[in-house]
Protein backbone atom coordinates (compact mmCIF):
# COMPACT_ATOMS: atom_id res chain seq x y z
CA MET A 1 9.25 -80.50 14.00
CA GLY A 2 6.95 -79.30 16.74
CA ILE A 3 6.82 -76.06 18.67
CA GLU A 4 8.78 -77.63 21.52
CA ASP A 5 11.65 -78.35 19.13
CA LEU A 6 11.67 -74.75 17.94
CA VAL A 7 11.62 -73.43 21.50
CA SER A 8 14.50 -75.71 22.46
CA LYS A 9 16.55 -74.57 19.48
CA ALA A 10 15.85 -70.91 20.24
CA LYS A 11 16.85 -71.34 23.89
CA ALA A 12 20.05 -73.13 22.87
CA ALA A 13 20.92 -70.32 20.45
CA VAL A 14 20.39 -67.65 23.11
CA ASP A 15 22.15 -69.49 25.94
CA GLY A 16 25.38 -67.66 26.67
CA ASN A 17 24.69 -65.00 24.05
CA GLU A 18 22.23 -62.85 25.96
CA GLU A 19 24.14 -59.59 25.42
CA GLN A 20 24.31 -60.19 21.67
CA VAL A 21 20.58 -60.91 21.61
CA LYS A 22 19.90 -57.70 23.55
CA ASP A 23 22.00 -55.75 21.03
CA ALA A 24 20.03 -57.33 18.20
CA LEU A 25 16.77 -56.38 19.94
CA ASP A 26 17.98 -52.77 20.18
CA LYS A 27 18.86 -52.70 16.49
CA ALA A 28 15.53 -54.25 15.52
CA GLY A 29 13.71 -51.72 17.68
CA GLU A 30 15.53 -48.84 16.01
CA ALA A 31 14.65 -50.26 12.58
CA VAL A 32 10.99 -50.48 13.54
CA LYS A 33 10.99 -46.96 14.99
CA SER A 34 12.55 -45.56 11.81
CA ARG A 35 9.61 -46.96 9.82
CA THR A 36 6.76 -46.01 12.15
CA ASN A 37 5.27 -42.81 13.53
CA ASP A 38 7.07 -41.07 16.39
CA HIS A 39 4.14 -41.58 18.75
CA GLN A 40 4.71 -45.35 18.55
CA ASP A 41 8.31 -45.13 19.77
CA SER A 42 7.35 -45.59 23.41
CA THR A 43 5.43 -48.77 22.56
CA VAL A 44 8.41 -50.20 20.67
CA ASP A 45 10.74 -49.29 23.55
CA SER A 46 8.38 -50.97 26.01
CA VAL A 47 8.28 -54.19 24.00
CA ILE A 48 12.09 -54.25 23.70
CA GLU A 49 12.50 -53.75 27.45
CA LYS A 50 10.01 -56.53 28.21
CA ALA A 51 11.88 -58.87 25.87
CA LYS A 52 15.17 -58.04 27.61
CA ASP A 53 13.57 -58.61 31.02
CA TYR A 54 12.29 -61.97 29.81
CA LEU A 55 15.81 -62.94 28.74
CA ASP A 56 17.13 -61.99 32.17
CA GLU A 57 14.44 -64.06 33.87
CA GLN A 58 15.31 -67.10 31.78
CA LYS A 59 18.94 -66.98 32.97
CA LYS A 60 17.85 -67.61 36.57
């Protein structure tokens, strides 16, 4: 199984479930923030927002 196969499977899993994926990203971000220093919260939030933006771009 190559990287293309994994990417295809990931895209198929996300297709139509974007809101659920965004909720999962939020939960993962909160889990990371609870285990890291407070000054890293903005970095975690930035990464989560970029991931959500990427999901939105892929829907187009």
